Amino acid sequence: MKRRGALPIFPTPLAGCDEVGRGCLAGPVFAAAVVLQSKKNLSRLRDSKLLSEKEREEIAPCIWNDHAVGLSFATVAEIDEINILQASFLAMRRALADLLHRTGLHPAHVVVDGHLPIPGWTGAQTPVVDGDAQVKEISAASIVAKVARDQIMREWAERYPQYDFEKNKGYGSKKHREALQIHGPCPIHRKTFSGVKELLA
């Protein structure tokens, strides 16, 4: 595990990997893997949480156009079956596999946001605490995953408008929790999560 100020020079091609949606009450968890292939727009890459929704949606197509990208997710059913941590790792492995499938690139090294390595990934990897703020590859992955997941949640909002998914994206906002109390969970709520499972008892 690497902390701020202690990052080595990693071998290339270097893939950054990050997940989005781990703390949500509803919806899948998404992950992306990105290998930067040009210097275009690198100054705009930072932790997706520090960017506005409009900024993320402007930057994401540039990442897709200029760099090598893999994207995937784990479903709500998988989250409930194997737990959110393992589902996040599953989404990351799938994103790395998608990167290889789309581009033919096999990373020499993977940097992953957080303090845990990806279990089951047989290649070289380094977990980086606050990686989405330190490593451009991870920043790019966080933006791609966030934009993709937000779009899915907006689509679910059309089917389940009572939960305000278009705004909260599945996170436990006050309005979302109030809607859960009134309407109960819908099929995309995570049945094993606190705030949802109590309503199923």
N, C-alpha and C. Protein backbone atom coordinates (compact mmCIF):
# COMPACT_ATOMS: atom_id res chain seq x y z
N MET A 1 0.85 -1.19 0.00
CA MET A 1 0.00 0.00 0.00
C MET A 1 0.88 1.24 0.00
N LYS A 2 0.60 2.17 -0.90
CA LYS A 2 1.37 3.40 -1.00
C LYS A 2 0.54 4.57 -0.50
N ARG A 3 1.22 5.46 0.20
CA ARG A 3 0.56 6.67 0.69
C ARG A 3 1.09 7.88 -0.06
N ARG A 4 0.45 9.00 0.15
CA ARG A 4 0.80 10.26 -0.51
C ARG A 4 2.30 10.55 -0.33
N GLY A 5 2.95 10.92 -1.43
CA GLY A 5 4.36 11.29 -1.39
C GLY A 5 5.31 10.11 -1.49
N ALA A 6 4.80 8.89 -1.58
CA ALA A 6 5.67 7.71 -1.59
C ALA A 6 5.50 6.87 -2.85
N LEU A 7 5.05 7.50 -3.93
CA LEU A 7 4.76 6.73 -5.14
C LEU A 7 6.02 6.52 -5.96
N PRO A 8 6.28 5.28 -6.38
CA PRO A 8 7.42 5.01 -7.25
C PRO A 8 7.07 5.31 -8.70
N ILE A 9 8.04 5.14 -9.57
CA ILE A 9 7.77 5.19 -11.01
C ILE A 9 7.32 3.79 -11.43
N PHE A 10 6.09 3.68 -11.89
CA PHE A 10 5.53 2.38 -12.24
C PHE A 10 5.88 2.03 -13.68
N PRO A 11 6.02 0.72 -13.98
CA PRO A 11 6.24 0.31 -15.36
C PRO A 11 5.01 0.56 -16.22
N THR A 12 5.21 0.67 -17.50
CA THR A 12 4.11 0.91 -18.44
C THR A 12 3.97 -0.28 -19.38
N PRO A 13 2.78 -0.48 -19.96
CA PRO A 13 1.57 0.33 -19.77
C PRO A 13 1.00 0.18 -18.36
N LEU A 14 0.62 1.33 -17.80
CA LEU A 14 0.10 1.39 -16.44
C LEU A 14 -1.41 1.63 -16.49
N ALA A 15 -2.16 0.77 -15.83
CA ALA A 15 -3.62 0.93 -15.77
C ALA A 15 -4.02 1.41 -14.39
N GLY A 16 -4.89 2.41 -14.36
CA GLY A 16 -5.51 2.84 -13.13
C GLY A 16 -6.89 2.23 -13.02
N CYS A 17 -7.26 1.78 -11.83
CA CYS A 17 -8.55 1.12 -11.65
C CYS A 17 -9.26 1.70 -10.43
N ASP A 18 -10.55 1.96 -10.58
CA ASP A 18 -11.33 2.52 -9.47
C ASP A 18 -12.77 2.07 -9.60
N GLU A 19 -13.45 2.05 -8.46
CA GLU A 19 -14.87 1.69 -8.44
C GLU A 19 -15.70 2.89 -8.01
N VAL A 20 -16.99 2.83 -8.34
CA VAL A 20 -17.94 3.89 -7.98
C VAL A 20 -19.25 3.25 -7.54
N GLY A 21 -19.82 3.77 -6.46
CA GLY A 21 -21.13 3.30 -6.02
C GLY A 21 -21.10 2.31 -4.89
N ARG A 22 -19.95 2.19 -4.26
CA ARG A 22 -19.83 1.20 -3.19
C ARG A 22 -20.75 1.50 -2.01
N GLY A 23 -20.94 2.77 -1.68
CA GLY A 23 -21.72 3.13 -0.51
C GLY A 23 -23.20 3.37 -0.76
N CYS A 24 -23.66 3.10 -1.96
CA CYS A 24 -25.06 3.36 -2.30
C CYS A 24 -26.01 2.34 -1.69
N LEU A 25 -27.26 2.73 -1.56
CA LEU A 25 -28.30 1.81 -1.11
C LEU A 25 -28.96 1.08 -2.28
N ALA A 26 -28.74 1.59 -3.49
CA ALA A 26 -29.41 1.01 -4.67
C ALA A 26 -28.47 1.07 -5.87
N GLY A 27 -28.69 0.13 -6.78
CA GLY A 27 -27.96 0.13 -8.03
C GLY A 27 -26.68 -0.67 -7.99
N PRO A 28 -26.11 -0.93 -9.16
CA PRO A 28 -24.87 -1.70 -9.27
C PRO A 28 -23.66 -0.89 -8.81
N VAL A 29 -22.54 -1.60 -8.63
CA VAL A 29 -21.26 -0.94 -8.42
C VAL A 29 -20.49 -1.03 -9.74
N PHE A 30 -19.97 0.10 -10.18
CA PHE A 30 -19.25 0.18 -11.45
C PHE A 30 -17.75 0.29 -11.19
N ALA A 31 -16.96 -0.15 -12.16
CA ALA A 31 -15.51 0.02 -12.11
C ALA A 31 -15.00 0.30 -13.51
N ALA A 32 -13.91 1.04 -13.58
CA ALA A 32 -13.25 1.31 -14.86
C ALA A 32 -11.75 1.10 -14.70
N ALA A 33 -11.10 0.79 -15.81
CA ALA A 33 -9.65 0.67 -15.88
C ALA A 33 -9.19 1.51 -17.06
N VAL A 34 -8.18 2.35 -16.86
CA VAL A 34 -7.73 3.27 -17.91
C VAL A 34 -6.21 3.24 -18.02
N VAL A 35 -5.73 3.14 -19.25
CA VAL A 35 -4.32 3.35 -19.59
C VAL A 35 -4.24 4.64 -20.39
N LEU A 36 -3.51 5.62 -19.88
CA LEU A 36 -3.38 6.90 -20.58
C LEU A 36 -2.43 6.73 -21.77
N GLN A 37 -2.87 7.21 -22.93
CA GLN A 37 -2.10 7.00 -24.15
C GLN A 37 -1.69 8.30 -24.84
N SER A 38 -2.06 9.42 -24.29
CA SER A 38 -1.62 10.71 -24.82
C SER A 38 -1.60 11.70 -23.67
N LYS A 39 -1.10 12.90 -23.94
CA LYS A 39 -1.03 13.94 -22.91
C LYS A 39 -2.20 14.90 -22.99
N LYS A 40 -3.16 14.61 -23.88
CA LYS A 40 -4.31 15.49 -24.06
C LYS A 40 -5.21 15.47 -22.83
N ASN A 41 -5.60 16.65 -22.38
CA ASN A 41 -6.59 16.83 -21.31
C ASN A 41 -6.15 16.27 -19.95
N LEU A 42 -4.87 15.98 -19.77
CA LEU A 42 -4.43 15.41 -18.50
C LEU A 42 -4.61 16.39 -17.35
N SER A 43 -4.51 17.68 -17.63
CA SER A 43 -4.63 18.67 -16.56
C SER A 43 -6.03 18.69 -15.96
N ARG A 44 -7.01 18.15 -16.68
CA ARG A 44 -8.39 18.16 -16.20
C ARG A 44 -8.71 16.93 -15.36
N LEU A 45 -7.77 15.99 -15.30
CA LEU A 45 -8.04 14.75 -14.58
C LEU A 45 -7.77 14.93 -13.09
N ARG A 46 -8.81 14.67 -12.30
CA ARG A 46 -8.68 14.67 -10.85
C ARG A 46 -9.77 13.77 -10.29
N ASP A 47 -9.76 13.61 -8.99
CA ASP A 47 -10.77 12.79 -8.32
C ASP A 47 -12.16 13.20 -8.80
N SER A 48 -12.94 12.23 -9.25
CA SER A 48 -14.26 12.54 -9.80
C SER A 48 -15.15 13.26 -8.79
N LYS A 49 -14.92 13.02 -7.50
CA LYS A 49 -15.75 13.66 -6.47
C LYS A 49 -15.48 15.16 -6.38
N LEU A 50 -14.35 15.62 -6.92
CA LEU A 50 -14.00 17.04 -6.88
C LEU A 50 -14.49 17.79 -8.13
N LEU A 51 -15.08 17.07 -9.05
CA LEU A 51 -15.59 17.67 -10.29
C LEU A 51 -17.11 17.75 -10.23
N SER A 52 -17.67 18.75 -10.89
CA SER A 52 -19.12 18.83 -11.01
C SER A 52 -19.61 17.77 -11.99
N GLU A 53 -20.89 17.49 -11.93
CA GLU A 53 -21.47 16.51 -12.87
C GLU A 53 -21.24 16.95 -14.31
N LYS A 54 -21.39 18.24 -14.60
CA LYS A 54 -21.17 18.76 -15.94
C LYS A 54 -19.72 18.57 -16.36
N GLU A 55 -18.78 18.83 -15.46
CA GLU A 55 -17.36 18.65 -15.80
C GLU A 55 -17.04 17.19 -16.09
N ARG A 56 -17.57 16.30 -15.27
CA ARG A 56 -17.32 14.87 -15.51
C ARG A 56 -17.86 14.44 -16.86
N GLU A 57 -19.05 14.91 -17.20
CA GLU A 57 -19.66 14.50 -18.47
C GLU A 57 -18.95 15.11 -19.67
N GLU A 58 -18.25 16.22 -19.48
CA GLU A 58 -17.44 16.80 -20.55
C GLU A 58 -16.12 16.03 -20.72
N ILE A 59 -15.55 15.59 -19.61
CA ILE A 59 -14.23 14.96 -19.64
C ILE A 59 -14.32 13.49 -20.06
N ALA A 60 -15.35 12.78 -19.65
CA ALA A 60 -15.43 11.34 -19.90
C ALA A 60 -15.30 10.97 -21.37
N PRO A 61 -15.99 11.66 -22.31
CA PRO A 61 -15.80 11.30 -23.72
C PRO A 61 -14.37 11.51 -24.20
N CYS A 62 -13.68 12.50 -23.65
CA CYS A 62 -12.28 12.73 -24.02
C CYS A 62 -11.42 11.55 -23.57
N ILE A 63 -11.72 11.02 -22.39
CA ILE A 63 -10.97 9.85 -21.91
C ILE A 63 -11.20 8.66 -22.83
N TRP A 64 -12.45 8.43 -23.20
CA TRP A 64 -12.77 7.33 -24.11
C TRP A 64 -12.08 7.51 -25.46
N ASN A 65 -12.03 8.74 -25.96
CA ASN A 65 -11.48 9.00 -27.30
C ASN A 65 -9.95 8.94 -27.34
N ASP A 66 -9.30 9.39 -26.25
CA ASP A 66 -7.86 9.58 -26.28
C ASP A 66 -7.07 8.47 -25.60
N HIS A 67 -7.73 7.62 -24.84
CA HIS A 67 -7.01 6.64 -24.02
C HIS A 67 -7.65 5.26 -24.13
N ALA A 68 -7.01 4.27 -23.53
CA ALA A 68 -7.53 2.90 -23.53
C ALA A 68 -8.37 2.70 -22.27
N VAL A 69 -9.61 2.25 -22.47
CA VAL A 69 -10.58 2.19 -21.36
C VAL A 69 -11.26 0.83 -21.30
N GLY A 70 -11.43 0.33 -20.09
CA GLY A 70 -12.28 -0.82 -19.82
C GLY A 70 -13.32 -0.43 -18.79
N LEU A 71 -14.53 -0.95 -18.92
CA LEU A 71 -15.63 -0.58 -18.04
C LEU A 71 -16.49 -1.80 -17.75
N SER A 72 -16.89 -1.95 -16.49
CA SER A 72 -17.80 -3.04 -16.15
C SER A 72 -18.49 -2.73 -14.83
N PHE A 73 -19.22 -3.72 -14.33
CA PHE A 73 -19.99 -3.53 -13.10
C PHE A 73 -20.29 -4.87 -12.46
N ALA A 74 -20.76 -4.81 -11.23
CA ALA A 74 -21.35 -5.97 -10.56
C ALA A 74 -22.78 -5.62 -10.21
N THR A 75 -23.67 -6.57 -10.38
CA THR A 75 -25.09 -6.32 -10.22
C THR A 75 -25.50 -6.24 -8.75
N VAL A 76 -26.71 -5.76 -8.53
CA VAL A 76 -27.27 -5.72 -7.18
C VAL A 76 -27.35 -7.14 -6.61
N ALA A 77 -27.76 -8.10 -7.42
CA ALA A 77 -27.84 -9.49 -6.94
C ALA A 77 -26.47 -10.00 -6.51
N GLU A 78 -25.44 -9.65 -7.27
CA GLU A 78 -24.08 -10.07 -6.90
C GLU A 78 -23.62 -9.38 -5.62
N ILE A 79 -23.95 -8.11 -5.48
CA ILE A 79 -23.61 -7.38 -4.25
C ILE A 79 -24.23 -8.06 -3.04
N ASP A 80 -25.51 -8.41 -3.14
CA ASP A 80 -26.21 -9.05 -2.02
C ASP A 80 -25.69 -10.46 -1.76
N GLU A 81 -25.21 -11.12 -2.81
CA GLU A 81 -24.75 -12.51 -2.65
C GLU A 81 -23.35 -12.59 -2.05
N ILE A 82 -22.43 -11.74 -2.52
CA ILE A 82 -21.02 -11.91 -2.13
C ILE A 82 -20.48 -10.77 -1.27
N ASN A 83 -21.26 -9.74 -1.02
CA ASN A 83 -20.98 -8.53 -0.25
C ASN A 83 -20.36 -7.45 -1.14
N ILE A 84 -20.47 -6.22 -0.70
CA ILE A 84 -20.10 -5.09 -1.54
C ILE A 84 -18.60 -5.03 -1.81
N LEU A 85 -17.78 -5.42 -0.85
CA LEU A 85 -16.33 -5.38 -1.08
C LEU A 85 -15.94 -6.35 -2.18
N GLN A 86 -16.42 -7.58 -2.08
CA GLN A 86 -16.08 -8.58 -3.10
C GLN A 86 -16.72 -8.23 -4.45
N ALA A 87 -17.89 -7.64 -4.42
CA ALA A 87 -18.52 -7.21 -5.68
C ALA A 87 -17.72 -6.08 -6.33
N SER A 88 -17.15 -5.19 -5.52
CA SER A 88 -16.31 -4.12 -6.05
C SER A 88 -15.08 -4.71 -6.73
N PHE A 89 -14.46 -5.69 -6.09
CA PHE A 89 -13.30 -6.35 -6.70
C PHE A 89 -13.70 -7.08 -7.98
N LEU A 90 -14.87 -7.70 -7.98
CA LEU A 90 -15.37 -8.39 -9.17
C LEU A 90 -15.53 -7.41 -10.33
N ALA A 91 -16.11 -6.24 -10.04
CA ALA A 91 -16.27 -5.21 -11.07
C ALA A 91 -14.92 -4.74 -11.60
N MET A 92 -13.93 -4.61 -10.71
CA MET A 92 -12.60 -4.19 -11.14
C MET A 92 -11.95 -5.23 -12.04
N ARG A 93 -12.05 -6.51 -11.67
CA ARG A 93 -11.48 -7.56 -12.52
C ARG A 93 -12.16 -7.57 -13.88
N ARG A 94 -13.46 -7.38 -13.89
CA ARG A 94 -14.19 -7.32 -15.15
C ARG A 94 -13.78 -6.11 -15.99
N ALA A 95 -13.54 -4.97 -15.33
CA ALA A 95 -13.11 -3.78 -16.06
C ALA A 95 -11.74 -4.00 -16.70
N LEU A 96 -10.83 -4.65 -15.97
CA LEU A 96 -9.50 -4.95 -16.52
C LEU A 96 -9.62 -5.94 -17.68
N ALA A 97 -10.50 -6.92 -17.55
CA ALA A 97 -10.73 -7.86 -18.65
C ALA A 97 -11.33 -7.14 -19.86
N ASP A 98 -12.21 -6.18 -19.61
CA ASP A 98 -12.81 -5.41 -20.69
C ASP A 98 -11.77 -4.54 -21.38
N LEU A 99 -10.83 -3.99 -20.60
CA LEU A 99 -9.72 -3.22 -21.18
C LEU A 99 -8.94 -4.09 -22.17
N LEU A 100 -8.61 -5.29 -21.76
CA LEU A 100 -7.87 -6.21 -22.63
C LEU A 100 -8.70 -6.57 -23.86
N HIS A 101 -9.99 -6.83 -23.66
CA HIS A 101 -10.86 -7.23 -24.76
C HIS A 101 -11.03 -6.11 -25.78
N ARG A 102 -11.21 -4.88 -25.29
CA ARG A 102 -11.45 -3.74 -26.20
C ARG A 102 -10.19 -3.32 -26.94
N THR A 103 -9.04 -3.36 -26.26
CA THR A 103 -7.83 -2.71 -26.78
C THR A 103 -6.68 -3.65 -27.06
N GLY A 104 -6.72 -4.85 -26.49
CA GLY A 104 -5.59 -5.76 -26.62
C GLY A 104 -4.44 -5.43 -25.67
N LEU A 105 -4.62 -4.39 -24.85
CA LEU A 105 -3.57 -3.98 -23.92
C LEU A 105 -3.61 -4.84 -22.66
N HIS A 106 -2.47 -5.39 -22.29
CA HIS A 106 -2.36 -6.06 -21.00
C HIS A 106 -1.43 -5.22 -20.14
N PRO A 107 -1.92 -4.59 -19.08
CA PRO A 107 -1.09 -3.68 -18.29
C PRO A 107 0.13 -4.38 -17.69
N ALA A 108 1.26 -3.69 -17.71
CA ALA A 108 2.44 -4.19 -17.00
C ALA A 108 2.26 -4.04 -15.50
N HIS A 109 1.41 -3.07 -15.11
CA HIS A 109 1.17 -2.81 -13.69
C HIS A 109 -0.21 -2.16 -13.55
N VAL A 110 -0.88 -2.45 -12.45
CA VAL A 110 -2.18 -1.85 -12.15
C VAL A 110 -2.06 -1.09 -10.83
N VAL A 111 -2.52 0.16 -10.84
CA VAL A 111 -2.65 0.91 -9.59
C VAL A 111 -4.15 1.01 -9.28
N VAL A 112 -4.49 0.66 -8.06
CA VAL A 112 -5.90 0.60 -7.68
C VAL A 112 -6.15 1.54 -6.51
N ASP A 113 -7.24 2.26 -6.57
CA ASP A 113 -7.55 3.20 -5.50
C ASP A 113 -7.91 2.45 -4.21
N GLY A 114 -7.34 2.90 -3.10
CA GLY A 114 -7.66 2.30 -1.82
C GLY A 114 -6.45 1.65 -1.17
N HIS A 115 -6.71 0.85 -0.15
CA HIS A 115 -5.61 0.23 0.59
C HIS A 115 -5.52 -1.28 0.38
N LEU A 116 -6.39 -1.83 -0.48
CA LEU A 116 -6.39 -3.27 -0.71
C LEU A 116 -6.10 -3.60 -2.17
N PRO A 117 -5.27 -4.61 -2.43
CA PRO A 117 -5.08 -5.08 -3.80
C PRO A 117 -6.32 -5.82 -4.29
N ILE A 118 -6.41 -6.01 -5.59
CA ILE A 118 -7.54 -6.72 -6.19
C ILE A 118 -7.27 -8.23 -6.10
N PRO A 119 -8.02 -8.96 -5.28
CA PRO A 119 -7.79 -10.41 -5.21
C PRO A 119 -8.14 -11.07 -6.54
N GLY A 120 -7.33 -12.05 -6.91
CA GLY A 120 -7.58 -12.75 -8.16
C GLY A 120 -6.94 -12.13 -9.37
N TRP A 121 -6.36 -10.93 -9.22
CA TRP A 121 -5.62 -10.32 -10.34
C TRP A 121 -4.18 -10.81 -10.25
N THR A 122 -3.74 -11.54 -11.25
CA THR A 122 -2.44 -12.22 -11.18
C THR A 122 -1.28 -11.34 -11.60
N GLY A 123 -1.55 -10.19 -12.19
CA GLY A 123 -0.48 -9.30 -12.60
C GLY A 123 0.01 -8.43 -11.45
N ALA A 124 1.05 -7.65 -11.72
CA ALA A 124 1.59 -6.74 -10.71
C ALA A 124 0.59 -5.63 -10.43
N GLN A 125 0.45 -5.26 -9.17
CA GLN A 125 -0.49 -4.20 -8.80
C GLN A 125 -0.04 -3.52 -7.52
N THR A 126 -0.49 -2.29 -7.35
CA THR A 126 -0.20 -1.51 -6.15
C THR A 126 -1.45 -0.75 -5.73
N PRO A 127 -1.97 -0.99 -4.53
CA PRO A 127 -3.05 -0.14 -4.02
C PRO A 127 -2.48 1.19 -3.55
N VAL A 128 -3.20 2.27 -3.83
CA VAL A 128 -2.74 3.62 -3.49
C VAL A 128 -3.85 4.34 -2.74
N VAL A 129 -3.60 4.67 -1.48
CA VAL A 129 -4.57 5.43 -0.70
C VAL A 129 -4.73 6.82 -1.31
N ASP A 130 -5.97 7.26 -1.47
CA ASP A 130 -6.27 8.53 -2.15
C ASP A 130 -5.72 8.53 -3.57
N GLY A 131 -5.73 7.36 -4.18
CA GLY A 131 -5.17 7.24 -5.52
C GLY A 131 -5.88 8.08 -6.56
N ASP A 132 -7.19 8.28 -6.38
CA ASP A 132 -7.93 9.07 -7.36
C ASP A 132 -7.53 10.54 -7.31
N ALA A 133 -6.83 10.95 -6.25
CA ALA A 133 -6.33 12.32 -6.17
C ALA A 133 -4.84 12.42 -6.51
N GLN A 134 -4.16 11.26 -6.61
CA GLN A 134 -2.70 11.26 -6.80
C GLN A 134 -2.25 10.75 -8.16
N VAL A 135 -3.00 9.80 -8.71
CA VAL A 135 -2.56 9.11 -9.92
C VAL A 135 -3.56 9.40 -11.05
N LYS A 136 -3.07 9.99 -12.14
CA LYS A 136 -3.96 10.41 -13.23
C LYS A 136 -4.74 9.24 -13.80
N GLU A 137 -4.12 8.07 -13.89
CA GLU A 137 -4.82 6.90 -14.43
C GLU A 137 -6.02 6.52 -13.57
N ILE A 138 -5.85 6.63 -12.25
CA ILE A 138 -6.97 6.32 -11.35
C ILE A 138 -8.02 7.42 -11.44
N SER A 139 -7.58 8.67 -11.53
CA SER A 139 -8.54 9.78 -11.70
C SER A 139 -9.41 9.56 -12.92
N ALA A 140 -8.78 9.18 -14.03
CA ALA A 140 -9.53 8.94 -15.27
C ALA A 140 -10.52 7.80 -15.09
N ALA A 141 -10.09 6.73 -14.42
CA ALA A 141 -10.98 5.59 -14.19
C ALA A 141 -12.17 6.00 -13.33
N SER A 142 -11.93 6.83 -12.32
CA SER A 142 -13.03 7.25 -11.44
C SER A 142 -14.04 8.08 -12.20
N ILE A 143 -13.58 8.92 -13.12
CA ILE A 143 -14.49 9.75 -13.91
C ILE A 143 -15.33 8.90 -14.85
N VAL A 144 -14.69 7.98 -15.56
CA VAL A 144 -15.41 7.11 -16.49
C VAL A 144 -16.46 6.29 -15.76
N ALA A 145 -16.07 5.69 -14.64
CA ALA A 145 -17.01 4.84 -13.90
C ALA A 145 -18.17 5.66 -13.33
N LYS A 146 -17.86 6.84 -12.82
CA LYS A 146 -18.90 7.68 -12.24
C LYS A 146 -19.92 8.12 -13.28
N VAL A 147 -19.47 8.56 -14.44
CA VAL A 147 -20.38 9.01 -15.49
C VAL A 147 -21.25 7.86 -15.98
N ALA A 148 -20.66 6.69 -16.15
CA ALA A 148 -21.42 5.54 -16.63
C ALA A 148 -22.48 5.12 -15.61
N ARG A 149 -22.10 5.09 -14.34
CA ARG A 149 -23.07 4.69 -13.32
C ARG A 149 -24.18 5.72 -13.16
N ASP A 150 -23.82 6.99 -13.21
CA ASP A 150 -24.85 8.04 -13.09
C ASP A 150 -25.89 7.91 -14.19
N GLN A 151 -25.44 7.58 -15.41
CA GLN A 151 -26.38 7.43 -16.52
C GLN A 151 -27.34 6.27 -16.27
N ILE A 152 -26.82 5.17 -15.78
CA ILE A 152 -27.67 4.02 -15.45
C ILE A 152 -28.70 4.38 -14.39
N MET A 153 -28.28 5.15 -13.39
CA MET A 153 -29.21 5.52 -12.32
C MET A 153 -30.27 6.50 -12.81
N ARG A 154 -29.92 7.35 -13.76
CA ARG A 154 -30.94 8.22 -14.35
C ARG A 154 -31.97 7.39 -15.12
N GLU A 155 -31.53 6.34 -15.76
CA GLU A 155 -32.46 5.46 -16.48
C GLU A 155 -33.38 4.73 -15.48
N TRP A 156 -32.82 4.27 -14.36
CA TRP A 156 -33.65 3.63 -13.35
C TRP A 156 -34.63 4.61 -12.73
N ALA A 157 -34.24 5.88 -12.69
CA ALA A 157 -35.13 6.91 -12.11
C ALA A 157 -36.42 7.05 -12.92
N GLU A 158 -36.35 6.78 -14.21
CA GLU A 158 -37.56 6.86 -15.04
C GLU A 158 -38.54 5.74 -14.66
N ARG A 159 -38.00 4.61 -14.24
CA ARG A 159 -38.85 3.47 -13.88
C ARG A 159 -39.33 3.56 -12.43
N TYR A 160 -38.47 4.13 -11.57
CA TYR A 160 -38.81 4.24 -10.15
C TYR A 160 -38.64 5.70 -9.71
N PRO A 161 -39.51 6.59 -10.17
CA PRO A 161 -39.32 8.03 -9.91
C PRO A 161 -39.45 8.43 -8.45
N GLN A 162 -40.11 7.59 -7.65
CA GLN A 162 -40.38 7.97 -6.26
C GLN A 162 -39.12 8.06 -5.40
N TYR A 163 -38.01 7.46 -5.85
CA TYR A 163 -36.80 7.42 -5.02
C TYR A 163 -35.80 8.53 -5.32
N ASP A 164 -36.06 9.37 -6.31
CA ASP A 164 -35.19 10.50 -6.62
C ASP A 164 -33.80 10.05 -7.09
N PHE A 165 -33.74 8.90 -7.78
CA PHE A 165 -32.45 8.37 -8.22
C PHE A 165 -31.71 9.32 -9.16
N GLU A 166 -32.45 10.12 -9.92
CA GLU A 166 -31.77 11.02 -10.86
C GLU A 166 -30.89 12.04 -10.14
N LYS A 167 -31.20 12.30 -8.87
CA LYS A 167 -30.41 13.24 -8.08
C LYS A 167 -29.46 12.54 -7.12
N ASN A 168 -29.96 11.53 -6.41
CA ASN A 168 -29.10 10.91 -5.38
C ASN A 168 -28.25 9.77 -5.93
N LYS A 169 -28.56 9.28 -7.14
CA LYS A 169 -27.81 8.21 -7.79
C LYS A 169 -27.73 6.93 -6.95
N GLY A 170 -28.69 6.77 -6.05
CA GLY A 170 -28.72 5.57 -5.22
C GLY A 170 -28.14 5.75 -3.84
N TYR A 171 -27.49 6.89 -3.60
CA TYR A 171 -26.95 7.15 -2.26
C TYR A 171 -28.10 7.47 -1.29
N GLY A 172 -27.80 7.34 0.00
CA GLY A 172 -28.85 7.44 1.01
C GLY A 172 -29.17 8.86 1.43
N SER A 173 -29.63 9.67 0.50
CA SER A 173 -30.04 11.03 0.82
C SER A 173 -31.29 11.00 1.70
N LYS A 174 -31.60 12.13 2.29
CA LYS A 174 -32.78 12.22 3.15
C LYS A 174 -34.04 11.88 2.37
N LYS A 175 -34.17 12.42 1.17
CA LYS A 175 -35.37 12.16 0.35
C LYS A 175 -35.45 10.69 -0.04
N HIS A 176 -34.31 10.09 -0.33
CA HIS A 176 -34.27 8.68 -0.69
C HIS A 176 -34.73 7.82 0.49
N ARG A 177 -34.20 8.10 1.67
CA ARG A 177 -34.56 7.32 2.86
C ARG A 177 -36.03 7.50 3.22
N GLU A 178 -36.53 8.70 3.05
CA GLU A 178 -37.95 8.94 3.31
C GLU A 178 -38.82 8.15 2.33
N ALA A 179 -38.40 8.10 1.06
CA ALA A 179 -39.15 7.33 0.06
C ALA A 179 -39.13 5.84 0.38
N LEU A 180 -38.01 5.37 0.89
CA LEU A 180 -37.93 3.96 1.29
C LEU A 180 -38.93 3.65 2.40
N GLN A 181 -39.07 4.57 3.34
CA GLN A 181 -40.02 4.36 4.43
C GLN A 181 -41.46 4.32 3.92
N ILE A 182 -41.74 5.13 2.92
CA ILE A 182 -43.11 5.23 2.39
C ILE A 182 -43.43 4.08 1.43
N HIS A 183 -42.52 3.83 0.50
CA HIS A 183 -42.79 2.90 -0.60
C HIS A 183 -42.15 1.53 -0.41
N GLY A 184 -41.19 1.43 0.50
CA GLY A 184 -40.44 0.18 0.63
C GLY A 184 -39.40 0.07 -0.47
N PRO A 185 -38.56 -0.95 -0.42
CA PRO A 185 -37.51 -1.11 -1.44
C PRO A 185 -38.08 -1.52 -2.80
N CYS A 186 -37.35 -1.15 -3.84
CA CYS A 186 -37.67 -1.60 -5.20
C CYS A 186 -36.65 -2.66 -5.60
N PRO A 187 -36.79 -3.27 -6.77
CA PRO A 187 -35.89 -4.38 -7.15
C PRO A 187 -34.41 -4.01 -7.25
N ILE A 188 -34.06 -2.74 -7.38
CA ILE A 188 -32.64 -2.41 -7.49
C ILE A 188 -32.04 -1.95 -6.15
N HIS A 189 -32.79 -2.05 -5.07
CA HIS A 189 -32.22 -1.76 -3.76
C HIS A 189 -31.41 -2.97 -3.27
N ARG A 190 -30.35 -2.67 -2.54
CA ARG A 190 -29.46 -3.71 -2.02
C ARG A 190 -30.04 -4.25 -0.72
N LYS A 191 -30.53 -5.46 -0.78
CA LYS A 191 -31.32 -6.02 0.31
C LYS A 191 -30.51 -6.32 1.55
N THR A 192 -29.19 -6.38 1.43
CA THR A 192 -28.34 -6.68 2.58
C THR A 192 -27.82 -5.42 3.26
N PHE A 193 -28.17 -4.24 2.74
CA PHE A 193 -27.64 -2.98 3.28
C PHE A 193 -28.51 -2.43 4.39
N SER A 194 -27.85 -1.88 5.40
CA SER A 194 -28.57 -1.19 6.47
C SER A 194 -29.34 -0.02 5.87
N GLY A 195 -30.59 0.12 6.31
CA GLY A 195 -31.47 1.12 5.74
C GLY A 195 -32.43 0.52 4.72
N VAL A 196 -32.09 -0.69 4.26
CA VAL A 196 -32.97 -1.42 3.33
C VAL A 196 -33.43 -2.72 3.96
N LYS A 197 -32.49 -3.49 4.50
CA LYS A 197 -32.82 -4.82 5.01
C LYS A 197 -33.85 -4.77 6.14
N GLU A 198 -33.82 -3.69 6.93
CA GLU A 198 -34.77 -3.58 8.03
C GLU A 198 -36.21 -3.50 7.53
N LEU A 199 -36.38 -2.96 6.32
CA LEU A 199 -37.71 -2.81 5.75
C LEU A 199 -38.23 -4.10 5.14
N LEU A 200 -37.37 -5.11 5.05
CA LEU A 200 -37.76 -6.40 4.48
C LEU A 200 -38.06 -7.43 5.55
N ALA A 201 -37.81 -7.06 6.81
CA ALA A 201 -38.00 -8.03 7.90
C ALA A 201 -39.48 -8.32 8.12
